Amino acid sequence: MAQLIKLQDYVSRYQIDLKRYPTQYVRLKHVQWKRMNEEWRANNHAALELEEIMIDEQNKKPNLFKRLFKRKEKESWDNPWEQGSSALEIDDRADDLIPDEVSTLNFNPTLLYNPQNEEELKRMYLDQLFHFQLKWASSTLREKSHLDPKYQRDTWLRTLVQKLPDTYFVLYDPILQLKKAPIEIGVIVLAPTECYVIQLVEEEDVAAFTGDSKERFWTKKIGEQDKRVLNPLIGLKRMEKVVHQIFEEADVSLDIHRILLSRNGYIDYPGSIYGIKIVDRRHYDAWFEELKRNASPMKHLQFKAAEALLEHSQTTSFNRADWYKTKDDVEKFDL
């Protein structure tokens, strides 16, 4: 699950300490998945035992049911997932100091219902982790940004975050500043050894876009209706130019790939464009599998590129009412 290091102009945990939070995120993800998985398995095991006890009860063994029920009640206090591990004890201490509704420190996934299998459990877990990532991408201990609810429903954002590896960094709709001029950017994905700038072209399903790189407007065709739209290559080329300039100033030599993407439509372009990959619904699945393929660990150059982009990112936020007074308090309770 990729790391959302910047969302629009929201304040982000990763802007505070980029070298610290990526490793914390990976650790937290694995620790809490193990806890939730163990809790689910323990519940299923207890349910099976209870079912066997009920069968015994039906077979005229009431004393056995009563005896086993009391024994299970006593043993439940020895369940390590109810008592909490050392990592979870930190969460408990933090909860004493930060109200639940504003806490961005804690990720405590819960079993909202009983999943039928581990795959269903994983989907439940990743959905809760996604909403937790939105908190990390829009708040810190001392500051907070107003999160637009549209991002909670954004399927493209969810796909990027949930299906790319942990070692990928995602900047989604960031506003970058060059010479104090704010520039809205589409999507930037920082893989360990490569950078992707992605311009999404999605409106109605199965819409077909046609045009030329030199034309200012393209044609969007839906059924028998034609409509003029701004050439999406203009925005894509601008994105690449801005990112390239930031990398150049920071002495970052990372390959930048330009992607024009339509997951639900068609892009009919005559010929090919140098340095630009066009992906529509016909090629999307194969392209996304290729995007995920970089299995390298996080690299120094990747961090350097992310730091350069974050330094040039615009941030709009306000001070939180519950921020800690000292740096020691922050580091003591921050996961």
C-alpha atoms as a PDB file:
ATOM      1  CA  MET A   1       0.000   0.000   0.000  1.00  0.00           C
ATOM      2  CA  ALA A   2       1.669   3.198  -1.244  1.00  0.00           C
ATOM      3  CA  GLN A   3       2.324   6.190   1.006  1.00  0.00           C
ATOM      4  CA  LEU A   4       0.299   9.349   0.399  1.00  0.00           C
ATOM      5  CA  ILE A   5       2.886  12.015   1.201  1.00  0.00           C
ATOM      6  CA  LYS A   6       1.003  15.026  -0.198  1.00  0.00           C
ATOM      7  CA  LEU A   7      -2.673  15.683  -0.915  1.00  0.00           C
ATOM      8  CA  GLN A   8      -3.607  18.946  -2.619  1.00  0.00           C
ATOM      9  CA  ASP A   9      -2.369  21.842  -0.407  1.00  0.00           C
ATOM     10  CA  TYR A  10      -3.009  20.020   2.871  1.00  0.00           C
ATOM     11  CA  VAL A  11      -0.451  19.836   5.659  1.00  0.00           C
ATOM     12  CA  SER A  12       1.230  16.424   5.726  1.00  0.00           C
ATOM     13  CA  ARG A  13       3.085  14.366   8.312  1.00  0.00           C
ATOM     14  CA  TYR A  14       5.747  13.632   5.720  1.00  0.00           C
ATOM     15  CA  GLN A  15       6.631  17.318   5.431  1.00  0.00           C
ATOM     16  CA  ILE A  16       7.794  17.233   9.077  1.00  0.00           C
ATOM     17  CA  ASP A  17      10.242  14.350   8.799  1.00  0.00           C
ATOM     18  CA  LEU A  18      10.321  12.432   5.535  1.00  0.00           C
ATOM     19  CA  LYS A  19      13.015  10.043   6.738  1.00  0.00           C
ATOM     20  CA  ARG A  20      11.011   9.048   9.808  1.00  0.00           C
ATOM     21  CA  TYR A  21       7.392   8.587   8.771  1.00  0.00           C
ATOM     22  CA  PRO A  22       7.798   6.169   5.823  1.00  0.00           C
ATOM     23  CA  THR A  23       9.411   3.538   8.049  1.00  0.00           C
ATOM     24  CA  GLN A  24       6.861   4.202  10.813  1.00  0.00           C
ATOM     25  CA  TYR A  25       4.052   3.710   8.331  1.00  0.00           C
ATOM     26  CA  VAL A  26       5.385   0.332   7.165  1.00  0.00           C
ATOM     27  CA  ARG A  27       5.897  -0.820  10.753  1.00  0.00           C
ATOM     28  CA  LEU A  28       2.461   0.353  11.856  1.00  0.00           C
ATOM     29  CA  LYS A  29       0.787  -1.298   8.877  1.00  0.00           C
ATOM     30  CA  HIS A  30       2.322  -4.711   9.600  1.00  0.00           C
ATOM     31  CA  VAL A  31       1.842  -4.574  13.377  1.00  0.00           C
ATOM     32  CA  GLN A  32      -1.840  -3.668  13.132  1.00  0.00           C
ATOM     33  CA  TRP A  33      -2.526  -6.172  10.362  1.00  0.00           C
ATOM     34  CA  LYS A  34      -1.079  -8.935  12.549  1.00  0.00           C
ATOM     35  CA  ARG A  35      -3.221  -7.788  15.484  1.00  0.00           C
ATOM     36  CA  MET A  36      -6.412  -7.651  13.427  1.00  0.00           C
ATOM     37  CA  ASN A  37      -5.721 -10.987  11.740  1.00  0.00           C
ATOM     38  CA  GLU A  38      -5.065 -12.681  15.064  1.00  0.00           C
ATOM     39  CA  GLU A  39      -8.223 -11.191  16.557  1.00  0.00           C
ATOM     40  CA  TRP A  40     -10.283 -12.445  13.611  1.00  0.00           C
ATOM     41  CA  ARG A  41      -8.788 -15.937  13.873  1.00  0.00           C
ATOM     42  CA  ALA A  42      -9.332 -16.013  17.628  1.00  0.00           C
ATOM     43  CA  ASN A  43     -12.970 -14.999  17.194  1.00  0.00           C
ATOM     44  CA  ASN A  44     -13.529 -17.693  14.563  1.00  0.00           C
ATOM     45  CA  HIS A  45     -11.888 -20.309  16.795  1.00  0.00           C
ATOM     46  CA  ALA A  46     -14.057 -19.257  19.740  1.00  0.00           C
ATOM     47  CA  ALA A  47     -17.155 -19.407  17.536  1.00  0.00           C
ATOM     48  CA  LEU A  48     -16.314 -22.975  16.479  1.00  0.00           C
ATOM     49  CA  GLU A  49     -15.763 -24.024  20.077  1.00  0.00           C
ATOM     50  CA  LEU A  50     -19.052 -22.448  21.107  1.00  0.00           C
ATOM     51  CA  GLU A  51     -20.811 -24.291  18.290  1.00  0.00           C
ATOM     52  CA  GLU A  52     -19.390 -27.583  19.548  1.00  0.00           C
ATOM     53  CA  ILE A  53     -20.490 -26.746  23.071  1.00  0.00           C
ATOM     54  CA  MET A  54     -24.009 -25.981  21.855  1.00  0.00           C
ATOM     55  CA  ILE A  55     -24.093 -29.353  20.127  1.00  0.00           C
ATOM     56  CA  ASP A  56     -23.065 -30.983  23.401  1.00  0.00           C
ATOM     57  CA  GLU A  57     -25.831 -29.037  25.154  1.00  0.00           C
ATOM     58  CA  GLN A  58     -28.351 -30.331  22.686  1.00  0.00           C
ATOM     59  CA  ASN A  59     -27.041 -33.821  23.415  1.00  0.00           C
ATOM     60  CA  LYS A  60     -28.027 -33.503  27.067  1.00  0.00           C
ATOM     61  CA  LYS A  61     -24.701 -32.300  28.490  1.00  0.00           C
ATOM     62  CA  PRO A  62     -25.677 -29.127  30.341  1.00  0.00           C
ATOM     63  CA  ASN A  63     -22.986 -29.438  33.011  1.00  0.00           C
ATOM     64  CA  LEU A  64     -20.227 -29.551  30.390  1.00  0.00           C
ATOM     65  CA  PHE A  65     -21.576 -26.377  28.744  1.00  0.00           C
ATOM     66  CA  LYS A  66     -21.658 -24.507  32.046  1.00  0.00           C
ATOM     67  CA  ARG A  67     -18.182 -25.654  33.023  1.00  0.00           C
ATOM     68  CA  LEU A  68     -16.594 -24.780  29.673  1.00  0.00           C
ATOM     69  CA  PHE A  69     -18.333 -21.416  29.513  1.00  0.00           C
ATOM     70  CA  LYS A  70     -16.852 -20.407  32.882  1.00  0.00           C
ATOM     71  CA  ARG A  71     -13.421 -21.628  31.795  1.00  0.00           C
ATOM     72  CA  LYS A  72     -13.581 -19.600  28.545  1.00  0.00           C
ATOM     73  CA  GLU A  73     -14.692 -16.538  30.478  1.00  0.00           C
ATOM     74  CA  LYS A  74     -11.600 -16.807  32.686  1.00  0.00           C
ATOM     75  CA  GLU A  75      -9.247 -17.494  29.761  1.00  0.00           C
ATOM     76  CA  SER A  76     -10.468 -14.475  27.837  1.00  0.00           C
ATOM     77  CA  TRP A  77      -8.541 -12.249  30.254  1.00  0.00           C
ATOM     78  CA  ASP A  78      -5.340 -13.974  29.132  1.00  0.00           C
ATOM     79  CA  ASN A  79      -5.918 -13.169  25.463  1.00  0.00           C
ATOM     80  CA  PRO A  80      -2.873 -11.098  24.355  1.00  0.00           C
ATOM     81  CA  TRP A  81      -4.939  -9.234  21.734  1.00  0.00           C
ATOM     82  CA  GLU A  82      -7.333  -8.016  24.421  1.00  0.00           C
ATOM     83  CA  GLN A  83      -4.542  -7.057  26.799  1.00  0.00           C
ATOM     84  CA  GLY A  84      -2.528  -5.308  24.032  1.00  0.00           C
ATOM     85  CA  SER A  85       1.070  -5.622  22.941  1.00  0.00           C
ATOM     86  CA  SER A  86       3.777  -3.086  23.752  1.00  0.00           C
ATOM     87  CA  ALA A  87       2.992  -1.243  20.506  1.00  0.00           C
ATOM     88  CA  LEU A  88      -0.662  -1.001  21.414  1.00  0.00           C
ATOM     89  CA  GLU A  89       0.147   0.288  24.907  1.00  0.00           C
ATOM     90  CA  ILE A  90       1.646   3.380  23.272  1.00  0.00           C
ATOM     91  CA  ASP A  91      -1.680   3.912  21.510  1.00  0.00           C
ATOM     92  CA  ASP A  92      -3.511   3.726  24.840  1.00  0.00           C
ATOM     93  CA  ARG A  93      -1.316   6.382  26.398  1.00  0.00           C
ATOM     94  CA  ALA A  94      -1.790   8.661  23.426  1.00  0.00           C
ATOM     95  CA  ASP A  95      -5.564   8.267  23.623  1.00  0.00           C
ATOM     96  CA  ASP A  96      -5.504   9.666  27.153  1.00  0.00           C
ATOM     97  CA  LEU A  97      -4.118  12.917  25.790  1.00  0.00           C
ATOM     98  CA  ILE A  98      -5.714  13.340  22.382  1.00  0.00           C
ATOM     99  CA  PRO A  99      -9.487  13.154  21.791  1.00  0.00           C
ATOM    100  CA  ASP A 100     -10.445  10.336  19.419  1.00  0.00           C
ATOM    101  CA  GLU A 101     -12.191  12.601  16.921  1.00  0.00           C
ATOM    102  CA  VAL A 102      -9.064  14.652  16.291  1.00  0.00           C
ATOM    103  CA  SER A 103      -6.349  12.066  16.879  1.00  0.00           C
ATOM    104  CA  THR A 104      -4.073  11.450  13.926  1.00  0.00           C
ATOM    105  CA  LEU A 105      -1.580   9.337  15.829  1.00  0.00           C
ATOM    106  CA  ASN A 106      -3.512   6.131  16.286  1.00  0.00           C
ATOM    107  CA  PHE A 107      -4.516   3.486  13.815  1.00  0.00           C
ATOM    108  CA  ASN A 108      -6.643   0.867  15.528  1.00  0.00           C
ATOM    109  CA  PRO A 109      -8.561  -1.100  12.884  1.00  0.00           C
ATOM    110  CA  THR A 110     -11.659  -2.884  14.129  1.00  0.00           C
ATOM    111  CA  LEU A 111     -13.710  -5.843  12.972  1.00  0.00           C
ATOM    112  CA  LEU A 112     -16.846  -4.080  11.735  1.00  0.00           C
ATOM    113  CA  TYR A 113     -18.359  -7.473  10.913  1.00  0.00           C
ATOM    114  CA  ASN A 114     -17.075 -11.049  10.689  1.00  0.00           C
ATOM    115  CA  PRO A 115     -15.343 -11.551   7.297  1.00  0.00           C
ATOM    116  CA  GLN A 116     -15.895 -14.919   5.662  1.00  0.00           C
ATOM    117  CA  ASN A 117     -12.241 -15.315   4.622  1.00  0.00           C
ATOM    118  CA  GLU A 118      -8.856 -13.635   4.931  1.00  0.00           C
ATOM    119  CA  GLU A 119      -9.202 -11.859   1.582  1.00  0.00           C
ATOM    120  CA  GLU A 120     -12.373 -10.163   2.798  1.00  0.00           C
ATOM    121  CA  LEU A 121     -10.607  -9.315   6.054  1.00  0.00           C
ATOM    122  CA  LYS A 122      -7.761  -7.727   4.095  1.00  0.00           C
ATOM    123  CA  ARG A 123     -10.185  -5.530   2.142  1.00  0.00           C
ATOM    124  CA  MET A 124     -11.732  -4.343   5.404  1.00  0.00           C
ATOM    125  CA  TYR A 125      -8.291  -3.614   6.816  1.00  0.00           C
ATOM    126  CA  LEU A 126      -7.070  -1.714   3.727  1.00  0.00           C
ATOM    127  CA  ASP A 127     -10.222   0.413   3.640  1.00  0.00           C
ATOM    128  CA  GLN A 128      -9.639   1.506   7.234  1.00  0.00           C
ATOM    129  CA  LEU A 129      -5.944   2.071   6.536  1.00  0.00           C
ATOM    130  CA  PHE A 130      -6.850   4.257   3.544  1.00  0.00           C
ATOM    131  CA  HIS A 131      -8.948   6.580   5.717  1.00  0.00           C
ATOM    132  CA  PHE A 132      -6.128   6.677   8.254  1.00  0.00           C
ATOM    133  CA  GLN A 133      -3.720   7.733   5.484  1.00  0.00           C
ATOM    134  CA  LEU A 134      -6.036  10.614   4.593  1.00  0.00           C
ATOM    135  CA  LYS A 135      -5.595  11.818   8.186  1.00  0.00           C
ATOM    136  CA  TRP A 136      -1.820  11.634   7.933  1.00  0.00           C
ATOM    137  CA  ALA A 137      -1.993  13.521   4.622  1.00  0.00           C
ATOM    138  CA  SER A 138      -4.148  16.330   6.037  1.00  0.00           C
ATOM    139  CA  SER A 139      -2.984  16.861   9.634  1.00  0.00           C
ATOM    140  CA  THR A 140      -0.094  16.858  12.062  1.00  0.00           C
ATOM    141  CA  LEU A 141      -0.021  17.130  15.849  1.00  0.00           C
ATOM    142  CA  ARG A 142      -0.044  20.917  15.639  1.00  0.00           C
ATOM    143  CA  GLU A 143      -1.791  21.689  12.362  1.00  0.00           C
ATOM    144  CA  LYS A 144      -4.776  20.517  10.374  1.00  0.00           C
ATOM    145  CA  SER A 145      -6.246  21.126   6.920  1.00  0.00           C
ATOM    146  CA  HIS A 146      -9.879  20.897   5.843  1.00  0.00           C
ATOM    147  CA  LEU A 147     -10.198  17.551   4.046  1.00  0.00           C
ATOM    148  CA  ASP A 148     -12.551  17.640   1.077  1.00  0.00           C
ATOM    149  CA  PRO A 149     -14.906  14.610   1.410  1.00  0.00           C
ATOM    150  CA  LYS A 150     -14.480  13.917  -2.313  1.00  0.00           C
ATOM    151  CA  TYR A 151     -11.098  12.324  -1.589  1.00  0.00           C
ATOM    152  CA  GLN A 152     -12.741   9.681   0.600  1.00  0.00           C
ATOM    153  CA  ARG A 153     -14.751   8.614  -2.460  1.00  0.00           C
ATOM    154  CA  ASP A 154     -12.004   9.087  -5.062  1.00  0.00           C
ATOM    155  CA  THR A 155     -11.558   5.682  -6.732  1.00  0.00           C
ATOM    156  CA  TRP A 156      -8.338   6.632  -8.528  1.00  0.00           C
ATOM    157  CA  LEU A 157      -6.709   7.835  -5.302  1.00  0.00           C
ATOM    158  CA  ARG A 158      -7.862   4.697  -3.492  1.00  0.00           C
ATOM    159  CA  THR A 159      -6.504   2.490  -6.282  1.00  0.00           C
ATOM    160  CA  LEU A 160      -3.084   4.149  -6.227  1.00  0.00           C
ATOM    161  CA  VAL A 161      -2.761   4.015  -2.453  1.00  0.00           C
ATOM    162  CA  GLN A 162      -4.142   0.516  -1.920  1.00  0.00           C
ATOM    163  CA  LYS A 163      -2.552  -1.341  -4.836  1.00  0.00           C
ATOM    164  CA  LEU A 164       0.929   0.140  -5.220  1.00  0.00           C
ATOM    165  CA  PRO A 165       3.775  -1.159  -2.998  1.00  0.00           C
ATOM    166  CA  ASP A 166       4.694   0.374   0.370  1.00  0.00           C
ATOM    167  CA  THR A 167       7.896   1.749  -1.166  1.00  0.00           C
ATOM    168  CA  TYR A 168       6.009   4.119  -3.514  1.00  0.00           C
ATOM    169  CA  PHE A 169       5.270   7.763  -2.640  1.00  0.00           C
ATOM    170  CA  VAL A 170       2.163   9.461  -4.046  1.00  0.00           C
ATOM    171  CA  LEU A 171       1.536  13.197  -4.420  1.00  0.00           C
ATOM    172  CA  TYR A 172      -2.119  13.645  -5.389  1.00  0.00           C
ATOM    173  CA  ASP A 173      -3.354  16.962  -6.804  1.00  0.00           C
ATOM    174  CA  PRO A 174      -0.416  18.825  -5.223  1.00  0.00           C
ATOM    175  CA  ILE A 175      -0.036  22.586  -5.711  1.00  0.00           C
ATOM    176  CA  LEU A 176       3.624  23.250  -6.446  1.00  0.00           C
ATOM    177  CA  GLN A 177       5.234  26.670  -6.294  1.00  0.00           C
ATOM    178  CA  LEU A 178       7.850  27.962  -8.705  1.00  0.00           C
ATOM    179  CA  LYS A 179       9.021  31.532  -8.211  1.00  0.00           C
ATOM    180  CA  LYS A 180       6.093  32.005  -5.805  1.00  0.00           C
ATOM    181  CA  ALA A 181       3.585  31.083  -8.522  1.00  0.00           C
ATOM    182  CA  PRO A 182       1.213  28.228  -7.502  1.00  0.00           C
ATOM    183  CA  ILE A 183       0.780  25.536 -10.153  1.00  0.00           C
ATOM    184  CA  GLU A 184      -1.818  22.781  -9.867  1.00  0.00           C
ATOM    185  CA  ILE A 185      -0.411  19.368 -10.732  1.00  0.00           C
ATOM    186  CA  GLY A 186      -2.213  16.079 -11.434  1.00  0.00           C
ATOM    187  CA  VAL A 187      -0.635  12.977  -9.910  1.00  0.00           C
ATOM    188  CA  ILE A 188       3.023  12.276  -9.177  1.00  0.00           C
ATOM    189  CA  VAL A 189       4.133   8.760  -8.279  1.00  0.00           C
ATOM    190  CA  LEU A 190       7.660   8.331  -6.963  1.00  0.00           C
ATOM    191  CA  ALA A 191       8.806   4.741  -7.357  1.00  0.00           C
ATOM    192  CA  PRO A 192      12.184   3.805  -5.831  1.00  0.00           C
ATOM    193  CA  THR A 193      14.021   4.420  -9.120  1.00  0.00           C
ATOM    194  CA  GLU A 194      11.557   6.344 -11.330  1.00  0.00           C
ATOM    195  CA  CYS A 195       9.058   9.200 -11.318  1.00  0.00           C
ATOM    196  CA  TYR A 196       5.685   9.165 -13.055  1.00  0.00           C
ATOM    197  CA  VAL A 197       3.623  12.268 -13.801  1.00  0.00           C
ATOM    198  CA  ILE A 198       0.069  11.249 -14.671  1.00  0.00           C
ATOM    199  CA  GLN A 199      -2.655  13.311 -16.320  1.00  0.00           C
ATOM    200  CA  LEU A 200      -6.051  11.668 -15.823  1.00  0.00           C
ATOM    201  CA  VAL A 201      -8.646  12.108 -18.563  1.00  0.00           C
ATOM    202  CA  GLU A 202     -11.927  10.755 -17.243  1.00  0.00           C
ATOM    203  CA  GLU A 203     -15.446  11.980 -17.645  1.00  0.00           C
ATOM    204  CA  GLU A 204     -18.279   9.806 -18.933  1.00  0.00           C
ATOM    205  CA  ASP A 205     -17.739   6.058 -19.372  1.00  0.00           C
ATOM    206  CA  VAL A 206     -16.572   4.912 -22.815  1.00  0.00           C
ATOM    207  CA  ALA A 207     -16.003   8.481 -23.983  1.00  0.00           C
ATOM    208  CA  ALA A 208     -13.558   8.666 -26.896  1.00  0.00           C
ATOM    209  CA  PHE A 209     -10.953  11.448 -27.088  1.00  0.00           C
ATOM    210  CA  THR A 210      -9.289  12.342 -30.381  1.00  0.00           C
ATOM    211  CA  GLY A 211      -6.806  15.059 -31.257  1.00  0.00           C
ATOM    212  CA  ASP A 212      -3.264  16.042 -32.066  1.00  0.00           C
ATOM    213  CA  SER A 213      -0.426  17.264 -29.870  1.00  0.00           C
ATOM    214  CA  LYS A 214      -0.305  20.625 -31.688  1.00  0.00           C
ATOM    215  CA  GLU A 215      -4.030  21.326 -31.368  1.00  0.00           C
ATOM    216  CA  ARG A 216      -5.290  23.383 -28.432  1.00  0.00           C
ATOM    217  CA  PHE A 217      -8.580  21.479 -28.311  1.00  0.00           C
ATOM    218  CA  TRP A 218      -9.460  17.822 -28.712  1.00  0.00           C
ATOM    219  CA  THR A 219     -12.808  16.243 -29.487  1.00  0.00           C
ATOM    220  CA  LYS A 220     -14.672  14.173 -26.916  1.00  0.00           C
ATOM    221  CA  LYS A 221     -17.207  11.864 -28.510  1.00  0.00           C
ATOM    222  CA  ILE A 222     -20.033  10.215 -26.551  1.00  0.00           C
ATOM    223  CA  GLY A 223     -22.416   8.306 -28.758  1.00  0.00           C
ATOM    224  CA  GLU A 224     -23.453  10.753 -31.442  1.00  0.00           C
ATOM    225  CA  GLN A 225     -22.470  13.856 -29.480  1.00  0.00           C
ATOM    226  CA  ASP A 226     -19.188  15.713 -29.982  1.00  0.00           C
ATOM    227  CA  LYS A 227     -17.718  18.217 -27.551  1.00  0.00           C
ATOM    228  CA  ARG A 228     -14.503  20.250 -27.570  1.00  0.00           C
ATOM    229  CA  VAL A 229     -12.171  19.807 -24.583  1.00  0.00           C
ATOM    230  CA  LEU A 230      -8.803  21.319 -23.781  1.00  0.00           C
ATOM    231  CA  ASN A 231      -5.895  19.257 -25.097  1.00  0.00           C
ATOM    232  CA  PRO A 232      -4.819  17.177 -22.031  1.00  0.00           C
ATOM    233  CA  LEU A 233      -1.250  16.985 -23.318  1.00  0.00           C
ATOM    234  CA  ILE A 234      -0.826  20.675 -22.507  1.00  0.00           C
ATOM    235  CA  GLY A 235      -1.325  20.017 -18.793  1.00  0.00           C
ATOM    236  CA  LEU A 236       0.804  16.862 -18.886  1.00  0.00           C
ATOM    237  CA  LYS A 237       3.758  18.633 -20.525  1.00  0.00           C
ATOM    238  CA  ARG A 238       3.484  21.463 -18.012  1.00  0.00           C
ATOM    239  CA  MET A 239       3.522  18.964 -15.135  1.00  0.00           C
ATOM    240  CA  GLU A 240       6.674  17.316 -16.428  1.00  0.00           C
ATOM    241  CA  LYS A 241       8.351  20.683 -16.981  1.00  0.00           C
ATOM    242  CA  VAL A 242       7.632  21.826 -13.404  1.00  0.00           C
ATOM    243  CA  VAL A 243       8.815  18.547 -11.848  1.00  0.00           C
ATOM    244  CA  HIS A 244      11.924  18.512 -14.037  1.00  0.00           C
ATOM    245  CA  GLN A 245      12.808  22.056 -12.987  1.00  0.00           C
ATOM    246  CA  ILE A 246      12.404  21.220  -9.289  1.00  0.00           C
ATOM    247  CA  PHE A 247      14.553  18.107  -9.706  1.00  0.00           C
ATOM    248  CA  GLU A 248      17.188  20.061 -11.580  1.00  0.00           C
ATOM    249  CA  GLU A 249      17.447  22.689  -8.819  1.00  0.00           C
ATOM    250  CA  ALA A 250      17.768  19.926  -6.198  1.00  0.00           C
ATOM    251  CA  ASP A 251      20.319  17.972  -8.271  1.00  0.00           C
ATOM    252  CA  VAL A 252      17.971  14.973  -8.592  1.00  0.00           C
ATOM    253  CA  SER A 253      18.645  12.764 -11.609  1.00  0.00           C
ATOM    254  CA  LEU A 254      15.477  10.652 -11.678  1.00  0.00           C
ATOM    255  CA  ASP A 255      13.816   9.524 -14.898  1.00  0.00           C
ATOM    256  CA  ILE A 256      10.412  11.188 -15.401  1.00  0.00           C
ATOM    257  CA  HIS A 257       7.737   9.277 -17.315  1.00  0.00           C
ATOM    258  CA  ARG A 258       4.733  11.162 -18.714  1.00  0.00           C
ATOM    259  CA  ILE A 259       1.455   9.226 -18.696  1.00  0.00           C
ATOM    260  CA  LEU A 260      -1.840  10.292 -20.293  1.00  0.00           C
ATOM    261  CA  LEU A 261      -4.442   8.031 -18.703  1.00  0.00           C
ATOM    262  CA  SER A 262      -8.122   7.239 -19.198  1.00  0.00           C
ATOM    263  CA  ARG A 263      -9.320   4.226 -17.200  1.00  0.00           C
ATOM    264  CA  ASN A 264     -12.883   4.338 -18.481  1.00  0.00           C
ATOM    265  CA  GLY A 265     -12.525   5.789 -21.988  1.00  0.00           C
ATOM    266  CA  TYR A 266     -10.593   5.630 -25.238  1.00  0.00           C
ATOM    267  CA  ILE A 267      -7.823   7.866 -26.513  1.00  0.00           C
ATOM    268  CA  ASP A 268      -7.449   7.739 -30.280  1.00  0.00           C
ATOM    269  CA  TYR A 269      -4.221   9.485 -31.172  1.00  0.00           C
ATOM    270  CA  PRO A 270      -2.643   9.302 -34.631  1.00  0.00           C
ATOM    271  CA  GLY A 271       0.869   7.912 -34.328  1.00  0.00           C
ATOM    272  CA  SER A 272       2.961   8.182 -31.166  1.00  0.00           C
ATOM    273  CA  ILE A 273       4.388  11.007 -29.057  1.00  0.00           C
ATOM    274  CA  TYR A 274       8.017  10.921 -27.971  1.00  0.00           C
ATOM    275  CA  GLY A 275       8.354  10.507 -24.223  1.00  0.00           C
ATOM    276  CA  ILE A 276       4.591  10.222 -23.567  1.00  0.00           C
ATOM    277  CA  LYS A 277       2.732   6.987 -22.920  1.00  0.00           C
ATOM    278  CA  ILE A 278      -0.977   6.936 -23.711  1.00  0.00           C
ATOM    279  CA  VAL A 279      -3.007   4.471 -21.636  1.00  0.00           C
ATOM    280  CA  ASP A 280      -6.768   3.951 -22.028  1.00  0.00           C
ATOM    281  CA  ARG A 281      -9.196   1.259 -20.913  1.00  0.00           C
ATOM    282  CA  ARG A 282      -7.772  -1.173 -23.478  1.00  0.00           C
ATOM    283  CA  HIS A 283      -4.301  -1.120 -21.912  1.00  0.00           C
ATOM    284  CA  TYR A 284      -4.947   0.049 -18.347  1.00  0.00           C
ATOM    285  CA  ASP A 285      -4.731  -3.304 -16.521  1.00  0.00           C
ATOM    286  CA  ALA A 286      -1.459  -4.311 -18.194  1.00  0.00           C
ATOM    287  CA  TRP A 287       0.046  -0.843 -17.613  1.00  0.00           C
ATOM    288  CA  PHE A 288      -0.905  -0.788 -13.924  1.00  0.00           C
ATOM    289  CA  GLU A 289       0.612  -4.231 -13.375  1.00  0.00           C
ATOM    290  CA  GLU A 290       3.801  -2.931 -14.956  1.00  0.00           C
ATOM    291  CA  LEU A 291       3.712   0.158 -12.717  1.00  0.00           C
ATOM    292  CA  LYS A 292       3.602  -2.073  -9.604  1.00  0.00           C
ATOM    293  CA  ARG A 293       6.504  -4.206 -10.746  1.00  0.00           C
ATOM    294  CA  ASN A 294       9.383  -2.180  -9.250  1.00  0.00           C
ATOM    295  CA  ALA A 295      10.180  -4.277  -6.195  1.00  0.00           C
ATOM    296  CA  SER A 296      13.219  -2.254  -5.102  1.00  0.00           C
ATOM    297  CA  PRO A 297      13.416  -0.940  -1.537  1.00  0.00           C
ATOM    298  CA  MET A 298      13.135   2.803  -0.932  1.00  0.00           C
ATOM    299  CA  LYS A 299      16.147   4.662  -2.332  1.00  0.00           C
ATOM    300  CA  HIS A 300      18.088   7.728  -1.234  1.00  0.00           C
ATOM    301  CA  LEU A 301      17.418   9.472  -4.563  1.00  0.00           C
ATOM    302  CA  GLN A 302      13.695   8.796  -4.151  1.00  0.00           C
ATOM    303  CA  PHE A 303      13.728  10.524  -0.738  1.00  0.00           C
ATOM    304  CA  LYS A 304      15.721  13.416  -2.180  1.00  0.00           C
ATOM    305  CA  ALA A 305      13.159  13.827  -4.986  1.00  0.00           C
ATOM    306  CA  ALA A 306      10.258  13.691  -2.515  1.00  0.00           C
ATOM    307  CA  GLU A 307      11.889  16.277  -0.245  1.00  0.00           C
ATOM    308  CA  ALA A 308      12.396  18.631  -3.197  1.00  0.00           C
ATOM    309  CA  LEU A 309       8.738  18.334  -4.229  1.00  0.00           C
ATOM    310  CA  LEU A 310       7.480  18.795  -0.662  1.00  0.00           C
ATOM    311  CA  GLU A 311       9.669  21.878  -0.203  1.00  0.00           C
ATOM    312  CA  HIS A 312       8.004  23.425  -3.260  1.00  0.00           C
ATOM    313  CA  SER A 313       4.481  22.409  -2.191  1.00  0.00           C
ATOM    314  CA  GLN A 314       1.901  24.938  -1.081  1.00  0.00           C
ATOM    315  CA  THR A 315       0.303  24.254   2.312  1.00  0.00           C
ATOM    316  CA  THR A 316      -2.900  25.681   3.763  1.00  0.00           C
ATOM    317  CA  SER A 317      -3.662  24.740   7.368  1.00  0.00           C
ATOM    318  CA  PHE A 318      -4.703  26.005  10.785  1.00  0.00           C
ATOM    319  CA  ASN A 319      -3.357  25.351  14.288  1.00  0.00           C
ATOM    320  CA  ARG A 320      -5.015  22.548  16.230  1.00  0.00           C
ATOM    321  CA  ALA A 321      -6.515  23.314  19.627  1.00  0.00           C
ATOM    322  CA  ASP A 322      -4.957  20.201  21.190  1.00  0.00           C
ATOM    323  CA  TRP A 323      -1.344  20.547  20.100  1.00  0.00           C
ATOM    324  CA  TYR A 324       1.413  19.630  22.502  1.00  0.00           C
ATOM    325  CA  LYS A 325       3.415  22.307  24.261  1.00  0.00           C
ATOM    326  CA  THR A 326       6.866  20.769  23.953  1.00  0.00           C
ATOM    327  CA  LYS A 327       8.832  18.825  21.411  1.00  0.00           C
ATOM    328  CA  ASP A 328       9.467  16.104  24.018  1.00  0.00           C
ATOM    329  CA  ASP A 329       5.719  15.470  24.327  1.00  0.00           C
ATOM    330  CA  VAL A 330       5.393  15.154  20.554  1.00  0.00           C
ATOM    331  CA  GLU A 331       8.171  12.632  20.223  1.00  0.00           C
ATOM    332  CA  LYS A 332       7.060  10.656  23.281  1.00  0.00           C
ATOM    333  CA  PHE A 333       3.595   9.898  21.988  1.00  0.00           C
ATOM    334  CA  ASP A 334       4.057  10.107  18.234  1.00  0.00           C
ATOM    335  CA  LEU A 335       4.140   6.667  16.641  1.00  0.00           C
END
